Amino acid sequence: MRVIAGTARSLPLKTPEGMDTRPTTDRIKETLFNMLQTKVGGSVFVDMFSGSGGIGIEAISRGANKAYFIEYDKKALACIKDNLNFTKFNDSAIVINADACSAVDRINEEADIIFMDPPYESGLDVAVLRILKNAGCVTEDTLIIVEASIDRDVKEFEDCGFEVSKEKKYKTNKHVFLYKES
């Protein structure tokens, strides 16, 4: 796994050992950031269920002003910190060691983009969306992207008060792009 583009382009990133995390592949990450290219520069980016921190680091490398990294697992947290040190992005990063639901209150500014990649089939995507609906960090302009299994029913996301603006499907998973209902 590596940084695809920007100031840290081609730098390799560590991933946590074991099977507890599923790092987003470089190909999918590149596709995602190609879709986000006009939104990332100057943004406040939130990487929930960060794992290695690869998504948030990619955002900083491509010009995000700041990225929040939210991760509960201690091994993954150490990996994020190592990757931030290696890329020299510590000054642009806020690392929060907490579960995603309780961490929302610790995002103390409006987010431009929130990316979350919870364990598939865990129901954590819906639990976090219910909290984000009324969170101060989410405005009608905040783009929320949920990585989910290919067969995930997005109706549950709509039931949480979000509109699906698009879905990008891959072989086994997809990215669902959401905005708060107006």
N, C-alpha and C. Protein backbone atom coordinates (compact mmCIF):
# COMPACT_ATOMS: atom_id res chain seq x y z
N MET A 1 0.84 -1.17 0.00
CA MET A 1 0.00 0.00 0.00
C MET A 1 0.89 1.24 0.00
N ARG A 2 0.44 2.26 -0.74
CA ARG A 2 1.25 3.46 -0.88
C ARG A 2 0.35 4.68 -1.01
N VAL A 3 0.97 5.86 -0.92
CA VAL A 3 0.27 7.11 -1.20
C VAL A 3 0.24 7.25 -2.71
N ILE A 4 -0.92 7.51 -3.28
CA ILE A 4 -1.09 7.51 -4.73
C ILE A 4 -0.59 8.81 -5.37
N ALA A 5 -0.95 9.97 -4.78
CA ALA A 5 -0.63 11.25 -5.43
C ALA A 5 -0.38 12.33 -4.38
N GLY A 6 0.09 13.46 -4.86
CA GLY A 6 0.29 14.61 -3.98
C GLY A 6 1.70 14.69 -3.44
N THR A 7 1.85 15.41 -2.33
CA THR A 7 3.18 15.70 -1.79
C THR A 7 3.89 14.46 -1.24
N ALA A 8 3.16 13.43 -0.88
CA ALA A 8 3.78 12.20 -0.37
C ALA A 8 3.68 11.06 -1.39
N ARG A 9 3.49 11.41 -2.64
CA ARG A 9 3.30 10.42 -3.69
C ARG A 9 4.35 9.31 -3.65
N SER A 10 3.87 8.08 -3.80
CA SER A 10 4.68 6.86 -3.89
C SER A 10 5.28 6.39 -2.57
N LEU A 11 5.08 7.13 -1.48
CA LEU A 11 5.62 6.66 -0.21
C LEU A 11 4.84 5.42 0.25
N PRO A 12 5.57 4.39 0.69
CA PRO A 12 4.88 3.19 1.17
C PRO A 12 4.28 3.43 2.56
N LEU A 13 3.15 2.80 2.81
CA LEU A 13 2.50 2.89 4.12
C LEU A 13 2.45 1.51 4.76
N LYS A 14 2.58 1.49 6.07
CA LYS A 14 2.43 0.25 6.83
C LYS A 14 0.95 -0.07 6.96
N THR A 15 0.67 -1.35 7.15
CA THR A 15 -0.70 -1.76 7.48
C THR A 15 -0.64 -2.58 8.75
N PRO A 16 -1.70 -2.53 9.56
CA PRO A 16 -1.70 -3.31 10.80
C PRO A 16 -1.62 -4.81 10.50
N GLU A 17 -0.89 -5.52 11.33
CA GLU A 17 -0.80 -6.97 11.18
C GLU A 17 -2.12 -7.61 11.55
N GLY A 18 -2.39 -8.77 10.96
CA GLY A 18 -3.60 -9.52 11.30
C GLY A 18 -4.73 -9.24 10.32
N MET A 19 -5.88 -9.76 10.63
CA MET A 19 -7.04 -9.69 9.73
C MET A 19 -8.11 -8.74 10.24
N ASP A 20 -7.79 -7.92 11.24
CA ASP A 20 -8.80 -7.04 11.82
C ASP A 20 -9.11 -5.83 10.94
N THR A 21 -8.22 -5.48 10.02
CA THR A 21 -8.48 -4.35 9.13
C THR A 21 -8.41 -4.82 7.69
N ARG A 22 -9.11 -4.09 6.82
CA ARG A 22 -9.10 -4.36 5.39
C ARG A 22 -8.66 -3.09 4.69
N PRO A 23 -7.39 -2.87 4.47
CA PRO A 23 -6.96 -1.64 3.82
C PRO A 23 -7.60 -1.51 2.43
N THR A 24 -8.05 -0.31 2.12
CA THR A 24 -8.59 -0.04 0.79
C THR A 24 -7.46 -0.18 -0.21
N THR A 25 -7.69 -0.94 -1.27
CA THR A 25 -6.63 -1.18 -2.25
C THR A 25 -6.24 0.12 -2.94
N ASP A 26 -5.02 0.14 -3.46
CA ASP A 26 -4.53 1.33 -4.15
C ASP A 26 -5.42 1.70 -5.33
N ARG A 27 -5.91 0.70 -6.05
CA ARG A 27 -6.73 0.97 -7.23
C ARG A 27 -8.05 1.63 -6.83
N ILE A 28 -8.69 1.12 -5.79
CA ILE A 28 -9.96 1.69 -5.33
C ILE A 28 -9.71 3.08 -4.73
N LYS A 29 -8.62 3.22 -3.99
CA LYS A 29 -8.29 4.52 -3.40
C LYS A 29 -8.08 5.56 -4.51
N GLU A 30 -7.38 5.17 -5.56
CA GLU A 30 -7.15 6.10 -6.68
C GLU A 30 -8.46 6.50 -7.34
N THR A 31 -9.36 5.55 -7.55
CA THR A 31 -10.67 5.84 -8.14
C THR A 31 -11.45 6.80 -7.25
N LEU A 32 -11.45 6.52 -5.95
CA LEU A 32 -12.17 7.38 -5.00
C LEU A 32 -11.64 8.82 -5.06
N PHE A 33 -10.34 8.97 -4.99
CA PHE A 33 -9.78 10.33 -4.95
C PHE A 33 -9.87 11.04 -6.31
N ASN A 34 -9.94 10.29 -7.38
CA ASN A 34 -10.22 10.93 -8.67
C ASN A 34 -11.61 11.55 -8.66
N MET A 35 -12.57 10.90 -8.01
CA MET A 35 -13.93 11.44 -7.90
C MET A 35 -13.97 12.64 -6.95
N LEU A 36 -13.07 12.68 -5.99
CA LEU A 36 -13.06 13.74 -4.97
C LEU A 36 -12.10 14.90 -5.30
N GLN A 37 -11.41 14.83 -6.41
CA GLN A 37 -10.28 15.74 -6.65
C GLN A 37 -10.61 17.22 -6.48
N THR A 38 -11.81 17.66 -6.79
CA THR A 38 -12.13 19.09 -6.64
C THR A 38 -12.55 19.45 -5.23
N LYS A 39 -12.79 18.46 -4.38
CA LYS A 39 -13.29 18.72 -3.02
C LYS A 39 -12.21 18.63 -1.94
N VAL A 40 -11.11 17.94 -2.20
CA VAL A 40 -10.13 17.63 -1.16
C VAL A 40 -9.25 18.83 -0.78
N GLY A 41 -8.79 19.58 -1.76
CA GLY A 41 -7.90 20.70 -1.49
C GLY A 41 -8.51 21.70 -0.51
N GLY A 42 -7.78 21.98 0.58
CA GLY A 42 -8.25 22.93 1.59
C GLY A 42 -9.32 22.41 2.53
N SER A 43 -9.62 21.14 2.44
CA SER A 43 -10.73 20.57 3.22
C SER A 43 -10.33 20.13 4.63
N VAL A 44 -11.37 19.92 5.45
CA VAL A 44 -11.25 19.20 6.71
C VAL A 44 -11.81 17.81 6.41
N PHE A 45 -10.97 16.81 6.53
CA PHE A 45 -11.29 15.43 6.13
C PHE A 45 -11.32 14.56 7.38
N VAL A 46 -12.31 13.69 7.48
CA VAL A 46 -12.42 12.78 8.62
C VAL A 46 -12.32 11.35 8.09
N ASP A 47 -11.39 10.59 8.64
CA ASP A 47 -11.18 9.18 8.27
C ASP A 47 -11.59 8.34 9.47
N MET A 48 -12.83 7.82 9.43
CA MET A 48 -13.36 7.00 10.54
C MET A 48 -13.05 5.53 10.27
N PHE A 49 -12.81 4.77 11.33
CA PHE A 49 -12.38 3.38 11.21
C PHE A 49 -11.11 3.39 10.36
N SER A 50 -10.13 4.19 10.78
CA SER A 50 -8.98 4.54 9.95
C SER A 50 -8.07 3.38 9.56
N GLY A 51 -7.97 2.35 10.38
CA GLY A 51 -7.07 1.25 10.04
C GLY A 51 -5.64 1.71 9.98
N SER A 52 -5.06 1.77 8.79
CA SER A 52 -3.68 2.22 8.61
C SER A 52 -3.58 3.74 8.49
N GLY A 53 -4.72 4.39 8.28
CA GLY A 53 -4.72 5.83 8.05
C GLY A 53 -4.50 6.20 6.60
N GLY A 54 -4.48 5.22 5.72
CA GLY A 54 -4.17 5.45 4.31
C GLY A 54 -5.09 6.43 3.61
N ILE A 55 -6.37 6.42 3.93
CA ILE A 55 -7.32 7.32 3.26
C ILE A 55 -7.08 8.77 3.72
N GLY A 56 -6.97 8.98 5.02
CA GLY A 56 -6.73 10.33 5.53
C GLY A 56 -5.38 10.87 5.10
N ILE A 57 -4.37 10.02 5.05
CA ILE A 57 -3.04 10.44 4.59
C ILE A 57 -3.09 10.82 3.12
N GLU A 58 -3.82 10.07 2.33
CA GLU A 58 -4.00 10.42 0.91
C GLU A 58 -4.65 11.79 0.79
N ALA A 59 -5.64 12.07 1.64
CA ALA A 59 -6.32 13.37 1.61
C ALA A 59 -5.35 14.51 1.93
N ILE A 60 -4.52 14.33 2.95
CA ILE A 60 -3.54 15.37 3.30
C ILE A 60 -2.54 15.54 2.15
N SER A 61 -2.07 14.43 1.60
CA SER A 61 -1.11 14.49 0.50
C SER A 61 -1.68 15.26 -0.68
N ARG A 62 -2.99 15.18 -0.87
CA ARG A 62 -3.65 15.85 -2.00
C ARG A 62 -4.16 17.25 -1.63
N GLY A 63 -3.78 17.75 -0.45
CA GLY A 63 -4.07 19.15 -0.14
C GLY A 63 -5.10 19.43 0.93
N ALA A 64 -5.61 18.42 1.61
CA ALA A 64 -6.52 18.69 2.74
C ALA A 64 -5.76 19.47 3.80
N ASN A 65 -6.42 20.46 4.39
CA ASN A 65 -5.78 21.25 5.45
C ASN A 65 -5.57 20.43 6.71
N LYS A 66 -6.53 19.53 6.97
CA LYS A 66 -6.49 18.77 8.22
C LYS A 66 -7.23 17.46 8.02
N ALA A 67 -6.77 16.43 8.70
CA ALA A 67 -7.48 15.15 8.70
C ALA A 67 -7.58 14.63 10.12
N TYR A 68 -8.77 14.20 10.47
CA TYR A 68 -9.03 13.50 11.72
C TYR A 68 -8.94 12.01 11.43
N PHE A 69 -8.23 11.29 12.29
CA PHE A 69 -8.10 9.84 12.17
C PHE A 69 -8.77 9.24 13.40
N ILE A 70 -9.84 8.50 13.19
CA ILE A 70 -10.58 7.92 14.31
C ILE A 70 -10.41 6.41 14.26
N GLU A 71 -9.82 5.88 15.31
CA GLU A 71 -9.54 4.44 15.37
C GLU A 71 -9.54 3.98 16.82
N TYR A 72 -10.12 2.83 17.06
CA TYR A 72 -10.20 2.26 18.40
C TYR A 72 -9.10 1.23 18.67
N ASP A 73 -8.76 0.44 17.67
CA ASP A 73 -7.80 -0.65 17.82
C ASP A 73 -6.38 -0.13 18.06
N LYS A 74 -5.74 -0.64 19.09
CA LYS A 74 -4.40 -0.14 19.49
C LYS A 74 -3.33 -0.42 18.42
N LYS A 75 -3.36 -1.61 17.79
CA LYS A 75 -2.37 -1.92 16.76
C LYS A 75 -2.54 -1.00 15.55
N ALA A 76 -3.78 -0.78 15.17
CA ALA A 76 -4.06 0.12 14.05
C ALA A 76 -3.65 1.54 14.40
N LEU A 77 -3.91 1.95 15.62
CA LEU A 77 -3.54 3.30 16.06
C LEU A 77 -2.02 3.51 15.97
N ALA A 78 -1.26 2.53 16.40
CA ALA A 78 0.21 2.62 16.30
C ALA A 78 0.64 2.72 14.84
N CYS A 79 -0.03 2.00 13.98
CA CYS A 79 0.27 2.02 12.55
C CYS A 79 -0.01 3.40 11.96
N ILE A 80 -1.14 4.00 12.33
CA ILE A 80 -1.49 5.36 11.86
C ILE A 80 -0.39 6.34 12.28
N LYS A 81 0.01 6.27 13.54
CA LYS A 81 1.03 7.19 14.04
C LYS A 81 2.36 7.01 13.32
N ASP A 82 2.74 5.75 13.06
CA ASP A 82 3.97 5.48 12.30
C ASP A 82 3.87 6.07 10.89
N ASN A 83 2.72 5.88 10.24
CA ASN A 83 2.55 6.40 8.89
C ASN A 83 2.54 7.92 8.85
N LEU A 84 1.96 8.54 9.85
CA LEU A 84 1.97 10.01 9.92
C LEU A 84 3.39 10.53 10.14
N ASN A 85 4.14 9.86 11.00
CA ASN A 85 5.55 10.25 11.21
C ASN A 85 6.36 10.10 9.92
N PHE A 86 6.16 8.97 9.25
CA PHE A 86 6.92 8.68 8.03
C PHE A 86 6.61 9.69 6.91
N THR A 87 5.35 10.08 6.79
CA THR A 87 4.96 11.04 5.75
C THR A 87 5.15 12.50 6.18
N LYS A 88 5.48 12.68 7.45
CA LYS A 88 5.67 14.02 8.03
C LYS A 88 4.39 14.86 7.99
N PHE A 89 3.26 14.20 8.23
CA PHE A 89 1.95 14.86 8.22
C PHE A 89 1.38 15.08 9.61
N ASN A 90 2.18 14.92 10.65
CA ASN A 90 1.67 15.07 12.02
C ASN A 90 0.99 16.42 12.27
N ASP A 91 1.53 17.49 11.69
CA ASP A 91 0.97 18.82 11.94
C ASP A 91 -0.41 19.01 11.33
N SER A 92 -0.78 18.17 10.37
CA SER A 92 -2.08 18.27 9.72
C SER A 92 -3.07 17.23 10.23
N ALA A 93 -2.65 16.45 11.22
CA ALA A 93 -3.45 15.31 11.67
C ALA A 93 -3.91 15.45 13.12
N ILE A 94 -5.12 14.99 13.36
CA ILE A 94 -5.63 14.84 14.72
C ILE A 94 -6.04 13.38 14.84
N VAL A 95 -5.37 12.66 15.74
CA VAL A 95 -5.63 11.24 15.93
C VAL A 95 -6.48 11.07 17.18
N ILE A 96 -7.60 10.40 17.02
CA ILE A 96 -8.53 10.19 18.13
C ILE A 96 -8.65 8.69 18.38
N ASN A 97 -8.23 8.28 19.57
CA ASN A 97 -8.33 6.88 19.97
C ASN A 97 -9.67 6.68 20.68
N ALA A 98 -10.67 6.29 19.91
CA ALA A 98 -12.01 6.08 20.45
C ALA A 98 -12.83 5.32 19.42
N ASP A 99 -13.95 4.76 19.87
CA ASP A 99 -14.86 4.15 18.91
C ASP A 99 -15.53 5.28 18.12
N ALA A 100 -15.96 4.99 16.92
CA ALA A 100 -16.45 6.02 16.01
C ALA A 100 -17.67 6.76 16.57
N CYS A 101 -18.55 6.06 17.24
CA CYS A 101 -19.77 6.70 17.77
C CYS A 101 -19.43 7.77 18.81
N SER A 102 -18.54 7.46 19.72
CA SER A 102 -18.21 8.44 20.76
C SER A 102 -17.23 9.50 20.27
N ALA A 103 -16.52 9.23 19.19
CA ALA A 103 -15.53 10.18 18.68
C ALA A 103 -16.16 11.36 17.94
N VAL A 104 -17.38 11.21 17.48
CA VAL A 104 -18.02 12.28 16.69
C VAL A 104 -18.00 13.60 17.46
N ASP A 105 -18.28 13.55 18.75
CA ASP A 105 -18.30 14.77 19.57
C ASP A 105 -16.92 15.43 19.70
N ARG A 106 -15.87 14.72 19.34
CA ARG A 106 -14.51 15.26 19.46
C ARG A 106 -14.02 15.91 18.18
N ILE A 107 -14.86 15.90 17.15
CA ILE A 107 -14.54 16.62 15.91
C ILE A 107 -15.08 18.02 16.13
N ASN A 108 -14.20 18.97 16.42
CA ASN A 108 -14.63 20.28 16.90
C ASN A 108 -14.71 21.35 15.81
N GLU A 109 -14.98 20.94 14.59
CA GLU A 109 -15.17 21.89 13.49
C GLU A 109 -16.00 21.20 12.41
N GLU A 110 -16.50 22.01 11.47
CA GLU A 110 -17.29 21.45 10.38
C GLU A 110 -16.39 20.65 9.45
N ALA A 111 -16.82 19.46 9.14
CA ALA A 111 -16.07 18.59 8.23
C ALA A 111 -16.57 18.80 6.80
N ASP A 112 -15.65 18.76 5.86
CA ASP A 112 -16.03 18.84 4.45
C ASP A 112 -16.32 17.45 3.89
N ILE A 113 -15.49 16.48 4.31
CA ILE A 113 -15.64 15.11 3.83
C ILE A 113 -15.45 14.18 5.02
N ILE A 114 -16.38 13.24 5.17
CA ILE A 114 -16.24 12.18 6.18
C ILE A 114 -16.25 10.86 5.43
N PHE A 115 -15.18 10.10 5.60
CA PHE A 115 -15.06 8.78 4.99
C PHE A 115 -15.12 7.75 6.10
N MET A 116 -15.98 6.76 5.94
CA MET A 116 -16.00 5.69 6.94
C MET A 116 -16.02 4.33 6.28
N ASP A 117 -15.21 3.45 6.84
CA ASP A 117 -15.05 2.09 6.33
C ASP A 117 -15.17 1.13 7.51
N PRO A 118 -16.41 1.01 8.06
CA PRO A 118 -16.58 0.12 9.22
C PRO A 118 -16.55 -1.34 8.79
N PRO A 119 -16.36 -2.24 9.74
CA PRO A 119 -16.46 -3.66 9.39
C PRO A 119 -17.81 -3.93 8.72
N TYR A 120 -17.77 -4.60 7.58
CA TYR A 120 -19.00 -4.89 6.86
C TYR A 120 -19.93 -5.74 7.74
N GLU A 121 -21.19 -5.53 7.57
CA GLU A 121 -22.24 -6.29 8.27
C GLU A 121 -22.26 -6.05 9.77
N SER A 122 -21.54 -5.05 10.26
CA SER A 122 -21.50 -4.79 11.71
C SER A 122 -22.65 -3.90 12.17
N GLY A 123 -23.25 -3.17 11.24
CA GLY A 123 -24.28 -2.20 11.62
C GLY A 123 -23.72 -0.89 12.14
N LEU A 124 -22.40 -0.78 12.21
CA LEU A 124 -21.79 0.44 12.72
C LEU A 124 -21.99 1.62 11.77
N ASP A 125 -22.13 1.34 10.47
CA ASP A 125 -22.38 2.43 9.54
C ASP A 125 -23.66 3.18 9.91
N VAL A 126 -24.73 2.45 10.19
CA VAL A 126 -26.01 3.06 10.56
C VAL A 126 -25.91 3.74 11.93
N ALA A 127 -25.24 3.10 12.87
CA ALA A 127 -25.09 3.69 14.21
C ALA A 127 -24.37 5.04 14.13
N VAL A 128 -23.31 5.12 13.34
CA VAL A 128 -22.56 6.37 13.20
C VAL A 128 -23.39 7.41 12.44
N LEU A 129 -24.07 6.99 11.39
CA LEU A 129 -24.90 7.94 10.63
C LEU A 129 -26.00 8.56 11.50
N ARG A 130 -26.57 7.77 12.39
CA ARG A 130 -27.60 8.33 13.29
C ARG A 130 -27.02 9.43 14.18
N ILE A 131 -25.78 9.27 14.59
CA ILE A 131 -25.13 10.29 15.41
C ILE A 131 -24.73 11.49 14.54
N LEU A 132 -24.22 11.22 13.35
CA LEU A 132 -23.78 12.29 12.46
C LEU A 132 -24.93 13.19 12.02
N LYS A 133 -26.13 12.65 11.95
CA LYS A 133 -27.28 13.44 11.50
C LYS A 133 -27.44 14.72 12.31
N ASN A 134 -27.19 14.67 13.60
CA ASN A 134 -27.37 15.83 14.48
C ASN A 134 -26.06 16.41 14.99
N ALA A 135 -24.93 15.95 14.44
CA ALA A 135 -23.63 16.39 14.92
C ALA A 135 -23.27 17.77 14.37
N GLY A 136 -22.60 18.56 15.17
CA GLY A 136 -22.17 19.89 14.76
C GLY A 136 -21.15 19.89 13.64
N CYS A 137 -20.45 18.78 13.44
CA CYS A 137 -19.42 18.71 12.40
C CYS A 137 -20.02 18.46 11.01
N VAL A 138 -21.32 18.18 10.94
CA VAL A 138 -21.96 17.85 9.67
C VAL A 138 -22.92 18.96 9.27
N THR A 139 -22.72 19.49 8.06
CA THR A 139 -23.63 20.49 7.49
C THR A 139 -24.28 19.87 6.26
N GLU A 140 -25.14 20.64 5.61
CA GLU A 140 -25.75 20.15 4.37
C GLU A 140 -24.71 20.01 3.25
N ASP A 141 -23.55 20.64 3.42
CA ASP A 141 -22.49 20.55 2.41
C ASP A 141 -21.48 19.45 2.68
N THR A 142 -21.56 18.81 3.85
CA THR A 142 -20.62 17.75 4.20
C THR A 142 -20.91 16.51 3.37
N LEU A 143 -19.91 16.03 2.68
CA LEU A 143 -20.01 14.78 1.92
C LEU A 143 -19.60 13.64 2.83
N ILE A 144 -20.48 12.65 2.95
CA ILE A 144 -20.17 11.45 3.74
C ILE A 144 -20.07 10.29 2.76
N ILE A 145 -18.98 9.55 2.87
CA ILE A 145 -18.76 8.39 2.00
C ILE A 145 -18.67 7.16 2.89
N VAL A 146 -19.51 6.18 2.60
CA VAL A 146 -19.49 4.93 3.36
C VAL A 146 -19.00 3.83 2.43
N GLU A 147 -17.94 3.14 2.85
CA GLU A 147 -17.51 1.95 2.12
C GLU A 147 -18.29 0.77 2.71
N ALA A 148 -18.92 0.01 1.83
CA ALA A 148 -19.79 -1.08 2.26
C ALA A 148 -19.67 -2.27 1.31
N SER A 149 -20.20 -3.40 1.74
CA SER A 149 -20.22 -4.57 0.86
C SER A 149 -21.11 -4.26 -0.34
N ILE A 150 -20.87 -4.92 -1.43
CA ILE A 150 -21.56 -4.65 -2.69
C ILE A 150 -23.08 -4.79 -2.56
N ASP A 151 -23.51 -5.68 -1.70
CA ASP A 151 -24.95 -5.94 -1.58
C ASP A 151 -25.62 -5.15 -0.43
N ARG A 152 -24.92 -4.20 0.15
CA ARG A 152 -25.47 -3.40 1.25
C ARG A 152 -26.65 -2.58 0.77
N ASP A 153 -27.77 -2.68 1.47
CA ASP A 153 -28.97 -1.92 1.14
C ASP A 153 -28.81 -0.50 1.67
N VAL A 154 -28.82 0.48 0.78
CA VAL A 154 -28.61 1.87 1.19
C VAL A 154 -29.87 2.52 1.74
N LYS A 155 -30.98 1.82 1.69
CA LYS A 155 -32.23 2.36 2.24
C LYS A 155 -32.05 2.70 3.72
N GLU A 156 -31.28 1.91 4.44
CA GLU A 156 -31.02 2.19 5.85
C GLU A 156 -30.30 3.52 6.04
N PHE A 157 -29.43 3.89 5.11
CA PHE A 157 -28.73 5.17 5.19
C PHE A 157 -29.72 6.31 5.01
N GLU A 158 -30.65 6.14 4.09
CA GLU A 158 -31.68 7.16 3.85
C GLU A 158 -32.59 7.30 5.07
N ASP A 159 -32.86 6.18 5.73
CA ASP A 159 -33.69 6.20 6.94
C ASP A 159 -33.03 6.97 8.08
N CYS A 160 -31.71 7.16 7.99
CA CYS A 160 -30.97 7.91 9.02
C CYS A 160 -30.97 9.42 8.74
N GLY A 161 -31.60 9.84 7.65
CA GLY A 161 -31.67 11.27 7.35
C GLY A 161 -30.66 11.75 6.33
N PHE A 162 -30.19 10.85 5.47
CA PHE A 162 -29.23 11.21 4.44
C PHE A 162 -29.76 10.83 3.06
N GLU A 163 -29.37 11.63 2.08
CA GLU A 163 -29.73 11.35 0.69
C GLU A 163 -28.54 10.72 0.00
N VAL A 164 -28.77 9.67 -0.76
CA VAL A 164 -27.72 9.04 -1.54
C VAL A 164 -27.55 9.83 -2.83
N SER A 165 -26.37 10.41 -3.03
CA SER A 165 -26.15 11.17 -4.26
C SER A 165 -25.56 10.29 -5.35
N LYS A 166 -24.82 9.23 -4.95
CA LYS A 166 -24.29 8.30 -5.94
C LYS A 166 -23.72 7.07 -5.24
N GLU A 167 -23.59 6.01 -6.01
CA GLU A 167 -22.94 4.79 -5.56
C GLU A 167 -21.89 4.42 -6.61
N LYS A 168 -20.69 4.10 -6.16
CA LYS A 168 -19.65 3.62 -7.06
C LYS A 168 -19.37 2.18 -6.67
N LYS A 169 -19.68 1.26 -7.58
CA LYS A 169 -19.54 -0.17 -7.29
C LYS A 169 -18.24 -0.72 -7.86
N TYR A 170 -17.63 -1.61 -7.07
CA TYR A 170 -16.44 -2.33 -7.46
C TYR A 170 -16.80 -3.81 -7.49
N LYS A 171 -15.84 -4.71 -7.50
CA LYS A 171 -16.16 -6.13 -7.58
C LYS A 171 -16.89 -6.65 -6.34
N THR A 172 -16.37 -6.32 -5.16
CA THR A 172 -16.94 -6.89 -3.93
C THR A 172 -17.47 -5.84 -2.96
N ASN A 173 -17.24 -4.57 -3.25
CA ASN A 173 -17.69 -3.52 -2.33
C ASN A 173 -18.12 -2.30 -3.13
N LYS A 174 -18.51 -1.25 -2.40
CA LYS A 174 -18.94 -0.01 -3.06
C LYS A 174 -18.71 1.16 -2.14
N HIS A 175 -18.71 2.34 -2.74
CA HIS A 175 -18.69 3.59 -1.99
C HIS A 175 -20.05 4.25 -2.20
N VAL A 176 -20.66 4.63 -1.09
CA VAL A 176 -21.96 5.30 -1.13
C VAL A 176 -21.73 6.74 -0.70
N PHE A 177 -22.13 7.69 -1.55
CA PHE A 177 -21.92 9.12 -1.31
C PHE A 177 -23.22 9.71 -0.79
N LEU A 178 -23.14 10.34 0.37
CA LEU A 178 -24.33 10.82 1.06
C LEU A 178 -24.21 12.29 1.43
N TYR A 179 -25.36 12.95 1.46
CA TYR A 179 -25.48 14.32 2.01
C TYR A 179 -26.66 14.32 2.96
N LYS A 180 -26.59 15.17 3.95
CA LYS A 180 -27.67 15.35 4.91
C LYS A 180 -28.92 15.84 4.16
N GLU A 181 -30.07 15.26 4.51
CA GLU A 181 -31.30 15.72 3.89
C GLU A 181 -31.57 17.16 4.29
N SER A 182 -32.05 17.95 3.33
CA SER A 182 -32.34 19.35 3.65
C SER A 182 -33.74 19.54 4.17
